[in-house]
Every structure is written in structure tokens, then in C-alpha cells.
């Protein structure tokens, strides 16, 4: 279940930049506002991911694609 929940959050972050910004600023509020209810292990995993975003001057979009692939999420192509 963890991969599915984290994957859903990552997909939402990829598709909605405003959610992504809120997720970085205040994860609890962002998740609740979008109907996500994560248990402690999922929140710990999300916190780990959140701490990696934007590190070392890398592109956040590229990082999200890599994270998404790890959780079996494939970005939608328009």
C-alpha cells in the first residue's frame, strides 16, 4: 500500500505545481486539503522524499520523475 499512496502523492505533485509548493511548505496541510491520509511509515517516507527535493541545485521536475518511477507512477503525457 505504501507505494500506491506515495505514488499518488508524487503524481499529484507532478501534475499540480501549487500542491507541490504546499507539500514542501506544509505537508500535513497539503495532504489533508487534497484528501490524503497517510500513516506514520508513509509520512516518514514522504518526509524523506521532501527533504531530497531541490537539493544540490537539481531540477525538481526531473527529481519528481525519478521518484515517480521508483514508485511505479508514470507521468501522463498530454
Protein backbone atom coordinates (compact mmCIF):
# COMPACT_ATOMS: atom_id res chain seq x y z
CA UNK A 1 0.00 0.00 0.00
CA UNK A 2 2.88 2.37 0.74
CA UNK A 3 3.99 2.53 -2.89
CA UNK A 4 0.44 3.26 -4.04
CA UNK A 5 -0.11 6.10 -1.55
CA UNK A 6 3.31 7.67 -2.04
CA UNK A 7 2.90 7.24 -5.80
CA UNK A 8 -0.44 9.04 -5.69
CA UNK A 9 1.07 11.94 -3.76
CA UNK A 10 4.03 12.14 -6.14
CA UNK A 11 1.71 12.06 -9.16
CA UNK A 12 -0.36 14.92 -7.70
CA UNK A 13 2.83 16.89 -7.03
CA UNK A 14 3.95 16.37 -10.62
CA UNK A 15 0.63 17.41 -12.10
CA UNK A 16 -0.16 20.34 -9.80
CA UNK A 17 2.68 22.78 -9.04
CA UNK A 18 0.61 24.55 -6.39
CA UNK A 19 0.12 21.28 -4.50
CA UNK A 20 3.85 20.61 -4.83
CA UNK A 21 4.68 24.00 -3.31
CA UNK A 22 2.25 23.47 -0.44
CA UNK A 23 3.58 19.95 0.08
CA UNK A 24 7.08 21.31 0.58
CA UNK A 25 5.91 24.20 2.79
CA UNK A 26 3.39 22.35 4.96
CA UNK A 27 2.94 18.67 4.12
CA UNK A 28 0.23 17.91 6.68
CA UNK A 29 -1.98 20.74 5.47
CA UNK A 30 -1.40 19.99 1.78
CA UNK A 31 -2.18 16.31 2.20
CA UNK A 32 -5.34 16.95 4.22
CA UNK A 33 -6.57 19.55 1.73
CA UNK A 34 -6.25 17.00 -1.08
CA UNK A 35 -7.82 14.12 0.81
CA UNK A 36 -4.67 12.12 1.52
CA UNK A 37 -4.49 10.25 4.82
CA UNK A 38 -1.04 8.74 5.27
CA UNK A 39 0.03 6.58 8.18
CA UNK A 40 3.31 7.13 10.04
CA UNK A 41 5.54 4.98 7.80
CA UNK A 42 4.14 6.70 4.69
CA UNK A 43 4.66 10.14 6.25
CA UNK A 44 8.24 9.21 7.14
CA UNK A 45 8.87 8.12 3.54
CA UNK A 46 7.26 11.32 2.23
CA UNK A 47 9.41 13.40 4.57
CA UNK A 48 12.49 11.64 3.23
CA UNK A 49 11.42 12.45 -0.33
CA UNK A 50 10.55 16.03 0.60
CA UNK A 51 14.00 16.59 2.10
CA UNK A 52 15.61 15.45 -1.16
CA UNK A 53 13.64 17.76 -3.44
CA UNK A 54 15.62 20.72 -4.68
CA UNK A 55 18.88 19.53 -3.16
CA UNK A 56 22.18 20.05 -4.92
CA UNK A 57 20.66 22.50 -7.39
CA UNK A 58 18.88 19.78 -9.34
CA UNK A 59 15.67 20.29 -11.25
CA UNK A 60 12.63 19.46 -9.10
CA UNK A 61 10.62 18.27 -12.09
CA UNK A 62 13.36 15.80 -13.02
CA UNK A 63 13.63 14.63 -9.41
CA UNK A 64 9.87 14.02 -9.27
CA UNK A 65 10.00 11.92 -12.45
CA UNK A 66 12.76 9.79 -10.93
CA UNK A 67 10.85 9.41 -7.66
CA UNK A 68 7.65 8.59 -9.54
CA UNK A 69 9.38 5.83 -11.47
CA UNK A 70 10.62 4.36 -8.20
CA UNK A 71 7.01 4.11 -7.01
CA UNK A 72 5.60 2.83 -10.30
CA UNK A 73 4.00 6.10 -11.35
CA UNK A 74 4.35 7.15 -14.96
CA UNK A 75 3.81 10.81 -15.80
CA UNK A 76 0.85 11.46 -18.04
CA UNK A 77 1.66 12.69 -21.49
CA UNK A 78 -0.69 15.29 -22.93
